[in-house]
Amino acid sequence: MIDNLELIKPLLNFVEKGDFYMLYILKRKKDQPESERDNHQSVRTIKTYCVDSLDYLDKRWEEIKMLCEVFKARAYIHIQKQNHFDVSLEMMVELAQRIKNDVNNQKGLFDSVVGKIKTLEKRWIVDIDSKNEDYINSVLKLINSLNPIENKLISKIPTKSGFHLITRKFDLSEFSKKYPEIDVQKKNPTLLFLPNSLI
């Protein structure tokens, strides 16, 4: 089991009315037995949550862990904040465009808009598939030496095969020259919970 709740909580802040972070329970094809993979899409969403307070997250925590265990799924959370006001405005624009284009089924409109609009925090996820501390430290050293020169590490989140380094922005083109194999995600969630059933 990997339980990152206490590492994630300090990253969440709710300053404005309507601030939230998206949380997903995802069943990934690669986590399923070989015999079940043929009739399974690459990722299936079991449930989503709009986390609008730490209290809400605490109240749902046992449910989230239970769903992950039962469905052999992982819980991921975005560490880039969004706001319901911004989402609502964009939903109105998107809805009008859909109706104009004769699209009358609005299922998934919220999720579609949330996935497209800009986030309120610029945090990147450097996805390192290694637990080697020397390697991780060399990656961090390079990140901190790139423009803007500062300590960019916000948090280090354990994953099944390594770590997600949560960082501030840096010069990605220079970074990719030295570490082309490392995926840097600008708007992806990080691992919140991995159940025993997937270890």
Foldseek 3Di string as FASTA:
>chain_A
DFACQVQLVVLDDQDDPQKWKKKWWKDALVLDDPVPNVVDDRIDTPDMDTHRDVVVCVVCVVVSQVVCVVRVTFMWIWSFMDGPVVLVVVLVVVVVVCVVVVNDDCPCSSVVSVVPDDTPDFKKWWDDQAADPVVVVVLQVVQCPFPPNDNFFDGWGDDPRHTIGIGHDGDVVVSCVVVVPIDMGGTDTDTRDRHPSRD
